Protein backbone atom coordinates (compact mmCIF):
# COMPACT_ATOMS: atom_id res chain seq x y z
CA MET A 1 -13.10 53.05 59.53
CA ARG A 2 -12.74 50.05 57.22
CA CYS A 3 -9.58 48.78 55.59
CA SER A 4 -8.30 45.75 53.75
CA VAL A 5 -5.34 43.62 54.67
CA THR A 6 -4.49 40.57 52.61
CA ILE A 7 -2.58 37.59 53.87
CA PHE A 8 -0.03 35.39 52.05
CA THR A 9 1.10 35.74 48.47
CA ARG A 10 -0.63 33.94 45.62
CA VAL A 11 -0.19 34.95 41.96
CA GLY A 12 -3.39 36.13 40.33
CA LEU A 13 -5.51 35.80 43.46
CA VAL A 14 -6.21 38.30 46.20
CA LEU A 15 -8.61 37.37 48.94
CA THR A 16 -9.04 40.34 51.25
CA LEU A 17 -9.93 40.40 54.89
CA VAL A 18 -12.06 43.50 55.51
CA VAL A 19 -11.75 44.68 59.08
CA SER A 20 -13.27 47.47 61.13
CA GLY A 21 -11.78 49.52 63.92
CA ALA A 22 -10.19 52.78 64.92
CA SER A 23 -6.75 51.65 63.77
CA PRO A 24 -6.07 50.65 60.12
CA ALA A 25 -5.59 46.92 59.72
CA SER A 26 -6.32 46.51 63.44
CA ALA A 27 -7.94 43.08 63.09
CA GLN A 28 -5.47 41.47 60.73
CA LEU A 29 -4.82 38.64 63.14
CA GLY A 30 -8.15 36.87 62.72
CA LYS A 31 -7.58 33.16 62.53
CA LEU A 32 -3.94 33.56 63.51
CA LYS A 33 -5.08 33.49 67.15
CA LYS A 34 -6.77 30.17 66.53
CA MET A 35 -3.97 28.59 64.52
CA GLY A 36 -0.97 28.23 66.71
CA ALA A 37 -0.75 31.58 68.51
CA ASP A 38 -1.12 29.82 71.86
CA ALA A 39 2.45 28.61 71.60
CA VAL A 40 3.63 32.17 70.92
CA LYS A 41 1.75 33.57 73.91
CA GLU A 42 3.08 30.92 76.22
CA ALA A 43 6.63 31.56 75.07
CA ALA A 44 6.17 35.28 75.65
CA ALA A 45 4.89 34.63 79.15
CA GLY A 46 7.70 32.24 79.95
CA LYS A 47 5.30 29.33 80.35
CA LYS A 48 5.91 25.78 79.32
CA PRO A 49 3.49 24.84 76.54
CA GLU A 50 0.70 22.50 77.50
CA PRO A 51 1.15 19.01 76.06
CA ALA A 52 -0.70 18.41 72.80
CA LYS A 53 -3.94 16.45 72.93
CA ASN A 54 -2.30 13.98 70.61
CA PRO A 55 0.69 12.76 72.62
CA THR A 56 2.55 11.89 69.41
CA ALA A 57 2.11 15.37 67.93
CA ALA A 58 4.81 17.90 68.84
CA ARG A 59 3.87 21.53 69.43
CA VAL A 60 4.96 23.58 66.42
CA ASP A 61 7.37 26.40 67.17
CA TYR A 62 6.61 29.78 65.55
CA ALA A 63 9.34 31.76 67.29
CA ILE A 64 11.18 34.39 65.26
CA THR A 65 14.92 33.77 65.13
CA GLU A 66 17.69 35.42 63.12
CA GLU A 67 18.03 32.34 60.91
CA ARG A 68 14.31 32.16 60.20
CA LEU A 69 13.90 35.89 59.66
CA SER A 70 16.81 35.91 57.20
CA ALA A 71 15.33 32.99 55.26
CA ILE A 72 11.95 34.71 54.97
CA MET A 73 13.45 38.04 53.94
CA ASN A 74 15.64 36.33 51.34
CA VAL A 75 12.43 35.08 49.74
CA LEU A 76 10.57 38.38 50.09
CA THR A 77 13.28 40.75 48.86
CA PRO A 78 13.11 39.82 45.15
CA LEU A 79 9.31 39.93 45.35
CA ALA A 80 9.42 43.46 46.75
CA VAL A 81 10.64 44.79 43.39
CA SER A 82 7.53 43.58 41.57
CA ALA A 83 5.36 44.48 44.55
CA GLN A 84 6.64 48.05 44.51
CA ARG A 85 5.94 48.23 40.80
CA GLU A 86 2.38 47.18 41.55
CA ALA A 87 2.12 49.80 44.30
CA ASP A 88 3.39 52.57 42.01
CA ALA A 89 0.84 51.59 39.37
CA ARG A 90 -1.99 51.57 41.89
CA ALA A 91 -1.04 55.04 43.08
CA VAL A 92 -1.66 56.59 39.66
CA SER A 93 -4.30 54.33 38.12
CA ALA A 94 -7.38 55.89 39.74
CA GLY A 95 -6.58 59.43 38.62
CA TYR A 96 -5.63 58.27 35.14
CA ASN A 97 -8.77 56.17 34.69
CA GLU A 98 -10.94 59.04 35.86
CA LYS A 99 -9.49 61.38 33.22
CA VAL A 100 -9.80 58.77 30.48
CA LYS A 101 -13.45 58.15 31.37
CA ALA A 102 -14.24 61.87 31.36
CA ALA A 103 -12.71 62.30 27.92
CA ASN A 104 -14.40 59.21 26.49
CA ASP A 105 -17.81 60.09 27.94
CA CYS A 106 -17.60 63.58 26.50
CA PHE A 107 -16.56 62.38 23.06
CA SER A 108 -19.29 59.73 23.03
CA LYS A 109 -21.89 62.46 23.54
CA VAL A 110 -20.36 64.58 20.78
CA THR A 111 -20.48 61.76 18.24
CA SER A 112 -23.87 60.33 19.24
CA GLY A 113 -27.19 60.91 17.55
CA ASN A 114 -27.12 62.78 14.27
CA ALA A 115 -23.62 64.20 14.69
CA THR A 116 -21.74 64.36 11.39
CA PRO A 117 -18.01 64.90 10.82
CA ASP A 118 -16.74 68.06 9.19
CA MET A 119 -15.05 66.51 6.15
CA SER A 120 -13.57 69.85 5.10
CA VAL A 121 -11.13 69.52 8.02
CA MET A 122 -9.39 66.72 6.09
CA GLN A 123 -8.03 69.29 3.66
CA SER A 124 -6.31 71.34 6.35
CA PRO A 125 -2.52 71.26 6.82
CA LYS A 126 -3.02 70.45 10.52
CA TYR A 127 -5.03 67.34 9.71
CA GLU A 128 -2.51 66.20 7.09
CA ALA A 129 0.32 66.68 9.59
CA LEU A 130 -1.58 64.54 12.10
CA LEU A 131 -2.00 61.77 9.53
CA ALA A 132 1.71 61.89 8.68
CA ARG A 133 2.63 61.62 12.35
CA SER A 134 0.26 58.67 12.75
CA GLN A 135 1.92 56.90 9.83
CA THR A 136 5.36 57.42 11.36
CA MET A 137 4.10 56.19 14.70
CA ALA A 138 2.68 53.05 13.08
CA GLU A 139 6.08 52.26 11.57
CA ARG A 140 7.82 52.75 14.90
CA LEU A 141 5.24 50.53 16.54
CA ALA A 142 5.96 47.71 14.10
CA ALA A 143 9.71 48.04 14.67
CA ALA A 144 9.32 47.97 18.47
CA GLN A 145 7.10 44.90 18.27
CA THR A 146 9.53 43.08 15.98
CA GLY A 147 12.44 43.98 18.26
CA LYS A 148 10.49 42.84 21.34
CA ARG A 149 11.00 46.22 22.99
CA TYR A 150 7.88 45.87 25.07
CA ARG A 151 8.06 49.05 27.11
CA GLU A 152 8.63 51.13 23.98
CA PHE A 153 5.86 49.29 22.16
CA LEU A 154 3.35 50.04 24.91
CA ALA A 155 4.29 53.72 25.06
CA LEU A 156 4.03 54.06 21.28
CA SER A 157 0.69 52.22 21.27
CA ASP A 158 -0.66 54.68 23.81
CA THR A 159 0.56 57.64 21.78
CA PHE A 160 -0.85 56.15 18.56
CA ALA A 161 -4.27 55.66 20.16
CA ILE A 162 -4.28 59.27 21.35
CA LEU A 163 -3.38 60.45 17.85
CA GLN A 164 -6.38 58.57 16.46
CA LEU A 165 -8.62 60.26 18.99
CA GLN A 166 -7.18 63.63 18.08
CA ASN A 167 -7.91 62.80 14.46
CA ALA A 168 -11.54 62.06 15.25
CA SER A 169 -11.74 65.10 17.49
CA MET A 170 -10.80 67.35 14.59
CA LEU A 171 -13.60 65.88 12.49
CA PHE A 172 -16.14 66.25 15.29
CA LYS A 173 -15.35 69.67 16.68
CA ASN A 174 -15.71 69.72 20.44
CA ASN A 175 -14.35 71.07 23.71
CA CYS A 176 -13.82 67.70 25.36
CA PRO A 177 -10.88 67.26 27.74
CA PRO A 178 -7.87 65.57 26.10
CA VAL A 179 -7.22 61.91 26.76
CA PRO A 180 -4.16 61.73 29.04
CA TYR A 181 -1.06 59.77 28.22
CA LYS A 182 -0.69 56.59 30.24
CA PRO A 183 1.54 57.16 33.31
CA ALA A 184 5.01 55.62 33.26
CA ALA A 185 4.21 53.45 36.29
CA LEU A 186 1.38 51.73 34.41
CA LEU A 187 3.55 51.23 31.34
CA ASP A 188 6.31 49.75 33.51
CA LEU A 189 3.91 47.28 35.12
CA GLU A 190 2.37 46.20 31.81
CA ALA A 191 5.79 45.80 30.19
CA SER A 192 7.06 43.65 33.04
CA LYS A 193 4.07 41.32 32.72
CA ILE A 194 4.58 40.96 28.98
CA GLU A 195 8.27 40.20 29.51
CA GLN A 196 7.40 37.54 32.07
CA ARG A 197 4.96 35.88 29.72
CA ALA A 198 7.35 36.11 26.79
CA SER A 199 10.14 34.47 28.76
CA ALA A 200 7.76 31.90 30.26
CA GLN A 201 8.91 33.00 33.72
CA ALA A 202 5.93 33.78 35.87
CA PRO A 203 6.84 35.71 39.05
CA SER A 204 7.75 33.29 41.82
CA SER A 205 5.65 35.05 44.44
CA ASP A 206 3.48 32.15 45.54
CA GLU A 207 4.78 31.55 49.04
CA LEU A 208 2.68 28.46 49.40
CA SER A 209 5.19 26.89 47.01
CA VAL A 210 8.41 28.14 48.56
CA PRO A 211 10.93 25.29 48.04
CA SER A 212 12.36 23.60 51.10
CA HIS A 213 15.89 24.89 50.51
CA ALA A 214 14.57 28.48 50.62
CA ARG A 215 12.64 27.83 53.82
CA GLY A 216 15.74 26.79 55.77
CA ASN A 217 14.70 24.45 58.54
CA MET A 218 11.11 25.65 58.59
CA THR A 219 8.07 23.73 57.44
CA THR A 220 5.77 25.47 54.98
CA GLY A 221 3.38 26.20 57.84
CA GLN A 222 6.13 27.67 59.99
CA PHE A 223 7.32 29.81 57.10
CA GLY A 224 3.85 31.22 56.50
CA ARG A 225 2.95 31.92 60.11
CA ILE A 226 6.34 33.33 61.09
CA ARG A 227 6.17 35.55 58.01
CA GLU A 228 2.79 36.74 59.29
CA ARG A 229 4.22 37.58 62.71
CA MET A 230 7.09 39.41 61.05
CA ALA A 231 4.59 41.50 59.05
CA ILE A 232 2.50 42.17 62.17
CA TRP A 233 5.57 43.50 63.97
CA ALA A 234 6.36 45.80 61.03
CA LEU A 235 2.79 47.11 60.99
CA MET A 236 2.86 47.60 64.75
CA GLN A 237 6.01 49.71 64.50
CA ALA A 238 4.35 51.94 61.89
CA GLY A 239 1.23 52.35 64.03
CA ASP A 240 -0.94 50.45 61.55
CA LEU A 241 -1.70 47.75 64.11
CA PRO A 242 -2.18 48.25 67.86
CA ALA A 243 0.71 47.45 70.17
CA THR A 244 -1.32 44.52 71.51
CA ALA A 245 -1.72 42.88 68.09
CA ASP A 246 0.79 40.18 69.03
CA LYS A 247 3.27 39.41 71.78
CA PHE A 248 6.97 39.04 71.13
CA THR A 249 9.64 37.72 73.45
CA ASP A 250 12.67 39.83 74.30
CA ASP A 251 14.80 37.64 72.03
CA GLU A 252 12.35 38.12 69.16
CA LYS A 253 12.26 41.88 69.69
CA ALA A 254 16.05 42.00 69.56
CA VAL A 255 16.12 40.11 66.24
CA LEU A 256 13.35 42.21 64.71
CA THR A 257 14.83 45.50 65.92
CA ALA A 258 18.19 44.63 64.44
CA ARG A 259 16.50 44.22 61.04
CA ALA A 260 14.08 47.12 61.48
CA ALA A 261 15.45 49.12 58.54
CA ASP A 262 14.95 46.19 56.17
CA LEU A 263 11.51 45.34 57.55
CA ARG A 264 10.38 48.95 57.23
CA LYS A 265 10.62 48.65 53.44
CA PHE A 266 7.98 45.93 53.43
CA GLY A 267 5.58 47.73 55.78
CA PRO A 268 3.70 49.78 53.15
CA LEU A 269 3.44 46.75 50.87
CA PHE A 270 1.93 44.65 53.66
CA LYS A 271 -0.45 47.45 54.66
CA THR A 272 -1.90 48.01 51.20
CA GLY A 273 -1.97 44.34 50.27
CA THR A 274 0.33 44.97 47.31
CA MET A 275 2.28 41.91 48.32
CA GLN A 276 -0.73 39.77 47.59
CA TRP A 277 -1.58 37.38 50.39
CA ALA A 278 -4.30 34.77 50.30
CA SER A 279 -6.46 33.88 53.27
CA TRP A 280 -5.43 31.87 56.30
CA GLY A 281 -7.78 29.13 55.14
CA ASP A 282 -5.19 28.16 52.54
CA ILE A 283 -2.71 26.98 55.16
CA THR A 284 -4.99 24.69 57.13
CA SER A 285 -3.91 21.74 55.00
CA TRP A 286 -0.17 22.39 55.33
C-alpha cells in the first residue's frame, strides 16, 4: 500500500513524502529521526542527554508541554477552517470532473467532422425560452460581479455556462450526458480564494513564518518539530501510524490526552495532507 503524507504548511506548495507499508502513513517520520529525535527518545527513557559535540551548543528541547501545545493549536485552529474547505472540495472534485469530462467528450464527438446544426430548432418555443433565460442570467451575473458577491457570481457563471451548452445541444441533437452543476464545496473554495485576493489577505498558513509572539517561548524549529510530534500522536491514536511511530513521556501523554478531542479534529487533515506541509528539508536552516 502506498500513501502520501505532507509535512509543514506552505501556501501554494505541497511536497509529498510517498511512503510504503502495511499501515497508512506508516513512514511519516523520515528525517524526523535524524533531526533531533534523539533528545525525545532519551527523555522518554529517563536518560540524561549526551553532551553536544559542540560544547557551546545546548541540546534543543522538543518536549510537548501544555503551554507549547496550546500555542501550536492556537495557530492551527484558524487554519483548520480553510483546510476543511479544501478537504470538502477534494472529496467531490474527482466525481465532478469525471462527469464533466464524459459530457464534454461526448459533445465533442457529436460536433466533430461534418456535423451541422439543426437551425430550425431556433424557431422553437423551447429554444427561445432558453435564450431568454440566458439573457436574464447574464444580467444577474453582471449585478453579482458589480456587487462583489463572489459566491453568487461563481454559481451564476456555472449555470450560465451550462445554459450555453444546453443551447448548443439543442442545435446538435444528441444523447450525451448532461454537464453537472459545480458542487457547492468547489464553489465555496473558489469564492474564498477570490475574497482573499480581493482583500489582499492571503491565508496565513505558512508556519515557517509564524511570528515569535504566536510561538510562545519556542524557536521556529521547536514549533515545527513539536507540531510534527503532535500530529504523529494524533495519527497514532487514529491507527494511521503504528504505535511505535514515536515515543512520548508520561507527562506528554497526559497533556495530549487532555486535548485529545481538539487534536482529533486535525487528524483527518494531517492524514490527507490537506493542511499542506512542506518537506523536512525546509527546516534545516532554522
